[in-house]
N, C-alpha and C. Protein backbone atom coordinates (compact mmCIF):
# COMPACT_ATOMS: atom_id res chain seq x y z
N MET A 1 -187.77 -167.46 -6.77
CA MET A 1 -188.98 -168.03 -7.61
C MET A 1 -188.21 -168.76 -8.71
N GLU A 2 -188.34 -169.85 -8.72
CA GLU A 2 -187.51 -170.99 -9.84
C GLU A 2 -188.72 -171.27 -10.94
N PHE A 3 -188.44 -171.62 -11.90
CA PHE A 3 -189.50 -172.38 -13.12
C PHE A 3 -188.63 -172.69 -14.12
N VAL A 4 -189.01 -174.12 -14.59
CA VAL A 4 -188.30 -174.36 -15.90
C VAL A 4 -188.87 -173.83 -17.08
N VAL A 5 -187.99 -173.51 -18.44
CA VAL A 5 -188.65 -173.52 -19.37
C VAL A 5 -188.20 -174.22 -20.43
N ASN A 6 -188.96 -174.42 -21.43
CA ASN A 6 -188.19 -175.33 -22.60
C ASN A 6 -187.82 -174.38 -23.76
N HIS A 7 -186.62 -174.26 -24.29
CA HIS A 7 -185.50 -173.29 -24.82
C HIS A 7 -186.00 -174.00 -26.14
N LEU A 8 -186.10 -172.52 -27.27
CA LEU A 8 -186.57 -173.14 -28.55
C LEU A 8 -185.57 -174.32 -29.22
N ASP A 9 -184.30 -174.63 -28.63
CA ASP A 9 -183.62 -175.52 -29.07
C ASP A 9 -183.81 -176.69 -28.28
N GLY A 10 -184.95 -176.97 -27.73
CA GLY A 10 -185.50 -178.27 -26.75
C GLY A 10 -184.57 -178.48 -25.75
N THR A 11 -183.70 -177.62 -25.22
CA THR A 11 -183.36 -178.09 -24.24
C THR A 11 -183.99 -176.95 -22.95
N LYS A 12 -183.81 -177.50 -21.37
CA LYS A 12 -184.43 -176.91 -20.58
C LYS A 12 -183.83 -176.05 -19.71
N ILE A 13 -184.17 -175.08 -19.39
CA ILE A 13 -183.48 -174.08 -18.33
C ILE A 13 -184.09 -173.72 -17.29
N ARG A 14 -183.54 -173.77 -16.19
CA ARG A 14 -184.17 -173.19 -15.07
C ARG A 14 -184.19 -171.93 -14.74
N LEU A 15 -184.92 -171.42 -14.62
CA LEU A 15 -184.69 -169.35 -14.32
C LEU A 15 -184.82 -169.36 -12.97
N LYS A 16 -184.12 -168.38 -12.00
CA LYS A 16 -184.44 -167.84 -10.96
C LYS A 16 -184.29 -166.52 -10.75
N ASN A 17 -184.94 -165.85 -10.03
CA ASN A 17 -184.71 -164.43 -9.56
C ASN A 17 -183.80 -164.11 -8.43
N ASN A 18 -183.67 -162.99 -7.94
CA ASN A 18 -183.25 -162.67 -6.75
C ASN A 18 -184.50 -163.18 -5.36
N PRO A 19 -183.82 -163.52 -4.55
CA PRO A 19 -184.59 -164.05 -3.19
C PRO A 19 -185.55 -162.78 -2.77
N GLY A 20 -186.84 -162.74 -2.46
CA GLY A 20 -187.33 -161.78 -2.16
C GLY A 20 -187.94 -161.02 -3.18
N GLU A 21 -187.69 -161.02 -4.35
CA GLU A 21 -187.75 -160.06 -5.58
C GLU A 21 -189.19 -160.54 -6.02
N VAL A 22 -190.36 -159.75 -6.03
CA VAL A 22 -191.32 -159.80 -6.65
C VAL A 22 -191.51 -159.80 -8.14
N ILE A 23 -191.96 -160.75 -8.68
CA ILE A 23 -192.41 -160.39 -10.28
C ILE A 23 -193.52 -159.72 -10.17
N LYS A 24 -193.87 -158.43 -11.07
CA LYS A 24 -195.54 -157.99 -11.51
C LYS A 24 -195.28 -158.37 -12.82
N PRO A 25 -196.74 -158.14 -13.20
CA PRO A 25 -197.55 -158.35 -14.17
C PRO A 25 -197.02 -157.40 -15.23
N GLU A 26 -196.39 -157.90 -16.58
CA GLU A 26 -195.82 -157.09 -17.72
C GLU A 26 -193.94 -156.97 -17.57
N ASP A 27 -193.48 -157.87 -16.30
CA ASP A 27 -192.06 -157.33 -16.17
C ASP A 27 -191.24 -157.96 -17.24
N ILE A 28 -190.44 -157.70 -17.77
CA ILE A 28 -189.38 -157.80 -18.54
C ILE A 28 -188.41 -158.38 -17.98
N LYS A 29 -187.73 -159.86 -17.87
CA LYS A 29 -186.65 -160.18 -17.14
C LYS A 29 -185.72 -160.83 -18.73
N THR A 30 -184.55 -160.65 -18.46
CA THR A 30 -183.49 -161.28 -19.35
C THR A 30 -182.54 -162.36 -19.07
N VAL A 31 -182.18 -163.20 -19.63
CA VAL A 31 -180.84 -164.02 -19.40
C VAL A 31 -180.19 -163.90 -20.49
N GLU A 32 -178.79 -163.43 -19.99
CA GLU A 32 -177.79 -163.40 -21.05
C GLU A 32 -177.17 -164.16 -21.62
N GLY A 33 -176.81 -164.52 -22.94
CA GLY A 33 -176.51 -165.26 -23.45
C GLY A 33 -177.03 -167.01 -24.15
N LYS A 34 -178.51 -166.65 -23.57
CA LYS A 34 -179.72 -167.98 -23.70
C LYS A 34 -180.59 -167.59 -24.83
N GLY A 35 -180.00 -166.80 -25.51
CA GLY A 35 -181.34 -166.12 -26.79
C GLY A 35 -180.49 -167.15 -27.89
N LEU A 36 -181.12 -166.39 -28.84
CA LEU A 36 -180.78 -166.95 -30.30
C LEU A 36 -179.40 -166.65 -30.84
N PRO A 37 -179.06 -167.54 -31.76
CA PRO A 37 -177.37 -167.28 -32.08
C PRO A 37 -177.55 -166.08 -33.00
N PHE A 38 -176.39 -165.61 -33.30
CA PHE A 38 -176.24 -164.10 -33.96
C PHE A 38 -176.23 -164.57 -35.23
N HIS A 39 -176.64 -164.06 -36.75
CA HIS A 39 -176.36 -164.13 -37.95
C HIS A 39 -174.94 -164.58 -38.38
N LYS A 40 -174.72 -165.62 -38.62
CA LYS A 40 -173.26 -166.05 -39.26
C LYS A 40 -172.03 -165.90 -38.21
N GLN A 41 -172.89 -165.87 -37.14
CA GLN A 41 -171.63 -166.20 -35.74
C GLN A 41 -172.54 -167.21 -34.98
N SER A 42 -172.46 -168.27 -35.32
CA SER A 42 -173.34 -169.57 -34.43
C SER A 42 -172.90 -169.63 -32.85
N PHE A 43 -171.52 -169.45 -33.05
CA PHE A 43 -171.04 -169.80 -31.60
C PHE A 43 -171.27 -168.41 -30.85
N LYS A 44 -172.09 -167.76 -30.94
CA LYS A 44 -172.36 -166.23 -30.27
C LYS A 44 -174.10 -166.37 -30.34
N PHE A 45 -174.26 -166.10 -28.68
CA PHE A 45 -175.62 -165.91 -28.48
C PHE A 45 -176.36 -164.16 -27.92
N GLY A 46 -177.38 -164.16 -28.42
CA GLY A 46 -178.25 -162.83 -27.78
C GLY A 46 -178.57 -163.46 -26.50
N ASN A 47 -179.64 -162.28 -26.05
CA ASN A 47 -180.32 -162.64 -25.02
C ASN A 47 -181.62 -163.18 -24.91
N LEU A 48 -181.92 -163.99 -23.98
CA LEU A 48 -183.46 -164.42 -24.01
C LEU A 48 -184.35 -163.62 -23.19
N PHE A 49 -185.23 -163.05 -23.71
CA PHE A 49 -186.40 -162.28 -22.75
C PHE A 49 -187.61 -162.48 -22.41
N VAL A 50 -187.93 -162.61 -21.38
CA VAL A 50 -188.93 -163.17 -20.94
C VAL A 50 -190.03 -162.38 -20.00
N MET A 51 -191.37 -162.23 -20.84
CA MET A 51 -192.26 -161.42 -20.36
C MET A 51 -193.41 -162.25 -19.72
N PHE A 52 -193.27 -161.70 -18.45
CA PHE A 52 -194.66 -162.48 -17.43
C PHE A 52 -196.05 -161.55 -17.53
N LYS A 53 -196.87 -162.70 -17.82
CA LYS A 53 -198.08 -162.25 -17.78
C LYS A 53 -198.71 -162.83 -16.65
N VAL A 54 -199.11 -162.18 -15.49
CA VAL A 54 -199.60 -162.49 -14.25
C VAL A 54 -201.19 -161.77 -13.96
N THR A 55 -202.03 -162.87 -13.86
CA THR A 55 -202.98 -162.50 -13.65
C THR A 55 -203.75 -163.05 -12.51
N PHE A 56 -204.21 -162.21 -11.65
CA PHE A 56 -204.59 -162.28 -10.14
C PHE A 56 -206.07 -162.42 -9.99
N PRO A 57 -206.38 -163.39 -9.08
CA PRO A 57 -207.84 -163.67 -8.72
C PRO A 57 -208.57 -162.53 -7.89
N LYS A 58 -209.64 -162.50 -7.92
CA LYS A 58 -210.02 -161.36 -7.09
C LYS A 58 -210.51 -161.57 -5.76
N SER A 59 -210.78 -163.12 -5.89
CA SER A 59 -210.69 -163.38 -4.27
C SER A 59 -210.20 -164.81 -3.94
N LEU A 60 -209.82 -165.40 -2.86
CA LEU A 60 -209.74 -166.78 -2.64
C LEU A 60 -210.61 -167.71 -1.60
N THR A 61 -211.00 -168.54 -1.85
CA THR A 61 -211.94 -169.20 -0.98
C THR A 61 -210.92 -169.94 0.33
N ASP A 62 -211.48 -170.71 1.18
CA ASP A 62 -210.63 -170.96 2.37
C ASP A 62 -210.07 -172.14 1.93
N PRO A 63 -210.45 -173.09 1.24
CA PRO A 63 -209.78 -174.30 0.56
C PRO A 63 -208.72 -174.03 -0.14
N GLN A 64 -208.90 -172.84 -1.18
CA GLN A 64 -208.06 -172.51 -2.31
C GLN A 64 -206.99 -171.81 -1.34
N VAL A 65 -206.99 -171.03 -0.19
CA VAL A 65 -205.45 -171.11 0.46
C VAL A 65 -205.00 -172.07 1.00
N LYS A 66 -206.09 -173.19 1.42
CA LYS A 66 -205.15 -174.33 1.99
C LYS A 66 -204.12 -175.07 1.03
N LEU A 67 -204.90 -175.08 -0.41
CA LEU A 67 -204.28 -175.71 -1.28
C LEU A 67 -202.95 -175.13 -1.64
N ILE A 68 -202.97 -173.51 -1.76
CA ILE A 68 -201.96 -172.68 -1.90
C ILE A 68 -200.56 -173.27 -1.21
N ASN A 69 -201.42 -172.93 0.31
CA ASN A 69 -200.02 -173.02 1.36
C ASN A 69 -199.39 -174.52 1.05
N THR A 70 -200.10 -175.46 0.92
CA THR A 70 -199.63 -176.77 0.71
C THR A 70 -198.55 -176.88 -0.81
N ALA A 71 -199.09 -176.20 -1.80
CA ALA A 71 -198.43 -176.15 -2.82
C ALA A 71 -197.17 -175.64 -2.65
N MET A 72 -197.06 -174.88 -2.14
CA MET A 72 -195.79 -173.58 -1.71
C MET A 72 -194.81 -174.79 -0.68
N ALA A 73 -195.72 -175.00 -0.13
CA ALA A 73 -194.56 -175.78 1.20
C ALA A 73 -193.97 -177.14 0.30
N ASN A 74 -194.58 -177.63 -0.88
CA ASN A 74 -194.15 -178.90 -1.39
C ASN A 74 -193.24 -178.50 -2.72
N LEU A 75 -193.16 -177.01 -3.08
CA LEU A 75 -192.53 -176.52 -4.03
C LEU A 75 -191.12 -176.76 -4.56
N LYS A 76 -190.49 -176.42 -3.38
CA LYS A 76 -188.92 -176.48 -3.53
C LYS A 76 -188.62 -178.16 -3.38
N GLU A 77 -189.41 -179.01 -2.80
CA GLU A 77 -189.05 -180.25 -2.98
C GLU A 77 -189.29 -180.97 -4.24
N ALA A 78 -190.42 -180.44 -4.97
CA ALA A 78 -190.72 -180.75 -6.45
C ALA A 78 -189.80 -180.53 -7.29
N ASN A 79 -189.24 -179.04 -7.20
CA ASN A 79 -188.34 -178.75 -8.01
C ASN A 79 -186.67 -179.40 -8.24
N LYS A 80 -186.58 -179.36 -6.73
CA LYS A 80 -185.33 -180.49 -6.89
C LYS A 80 -185.24 -181.82 -7.59
N GLU A 81 -186.26 -182.49 -7.57
CA GLU A 81 -186.62 -183.93 -7.93
C GLU A 81 -186.85 -183.72 -9.48
N SER A 82 -187.22 -182.58 -10.15
CA SER A 82 -187.77 -182.78 -11.80
C SER A 82 -186.70 -181.68 -12.35
N THR A 83 -185.67 -180.74 -11.69
CA THR A 83 -184.72 -180.21 -12.32
C THR A 83 -183.36 -180.78 -12.05
N GLU A 84 -183.02 -181.90 -11.68
CA GLU A 84 -181.45 -182.09 -11.50
C GLU A 84 -180.91 -182.37 -12.85
N GLY A 85 -179.75 -181.73 -13.15
CA GLY A 85 -178.85 -181.96 -14.36
C GLY A 85 -179.56 -180.86 -15.44
N ILE A 86 -180.58 -179.92 -14.85
CA ILE A 86 -180.96 -178.93 -16.18
C ILE A 86 -180.07 -177.23 -15.55
N GLU A 87 -179.64 -176.78 -16.34
CA GLU A 87 -178.77 -175.65 -16.06
C GLU A 87 -179.73 -174.44 -15.41
N VAL A 88 -178.98 -173.92 -14.69
CA VAL A 88 -179.45 -172.50 -13.72
C VAL A 88 -179.21 -171.38 -14.46
N CYS A 89 -180.08 -170.48 -14.73
CA CYS A 89 -180.22 -169.12 -15.50
C CYS A 89 -180.38 -168.30 -14.20
N LYS A 90 -179.67 -167.09 -14.40
CA LYS A 90 -180.09 -166.03 -13.36
C LYS A 90 -181.20 -164.95 -13.96
N LEU A 91 -182.20 -164.62 -13.88
CA LEU A 91 -182.76 -163.48 -14.37
C LEU A 91 -182.47 -162.06 -13.77
N THR A 92 -182.07 -160.99 -14.81
CA THR A 92 -181.79 -160.00 -14.84
C THR A 92 -182.85 -159.03 -15.05
N THR A 93 -183.24 -157.63 -14.41
CA THR A 93 -184.06 -156.96 -15.07
C THR A 93 -183.63 -156.58 -16.36
N PHE A 94 -184.95 -156.29 -17.36
CA PHE A 94 -184.57 -155.77 -18.64
C PHE A 94 -184.02 -154.44 -18.61
N SER A 95 -183.10 -154.11 -19.31
CA SER A 95 -183.17 -152.36 -19.58
C SER A 95 -182.92 -152.21 -21.29
N GLU A 96 -183.37 -151.11 -21.52
CA GLU A 96 -183.17 -150.88 -22.93
C GLU A 96 -182.00 -150.39 -23.38
N SER A 97 -181.38 -149.82 -22.14
CA SER A 97 -180.20 -148.76 -22.71
C SER A 97 -178.85 -150.10 -22.98
C-alpha cells in the first residue's frame, strides 16, 4: 500500500508499507526521522507517527465491487503520475520499547 501525506512543513511524503502487509484499524506505524525537529537541535528530527482509522462497511453491492476492482486496477498508474519527485518513506511497526 502506498499513499501520500502532507507533512506539517508543507512537503509531501509518499508512505509505503511492506508488500502484502495488512493495515488494521488502530495500527500505529512510524517513519523514522520524519517527525518534528528536536528543541534547540533543528537539524535533528524525531519520528512521525501514523495511526490508521479504518472503517469497514457491513456489505458491498455488486456495482460497488466493480468500482473497487476498477479503482484498484488504476491505483498504481495514478500513484506513479501524481507522486513523481516526492520522497518515498518506509512505514515500520511502532514499538513503545
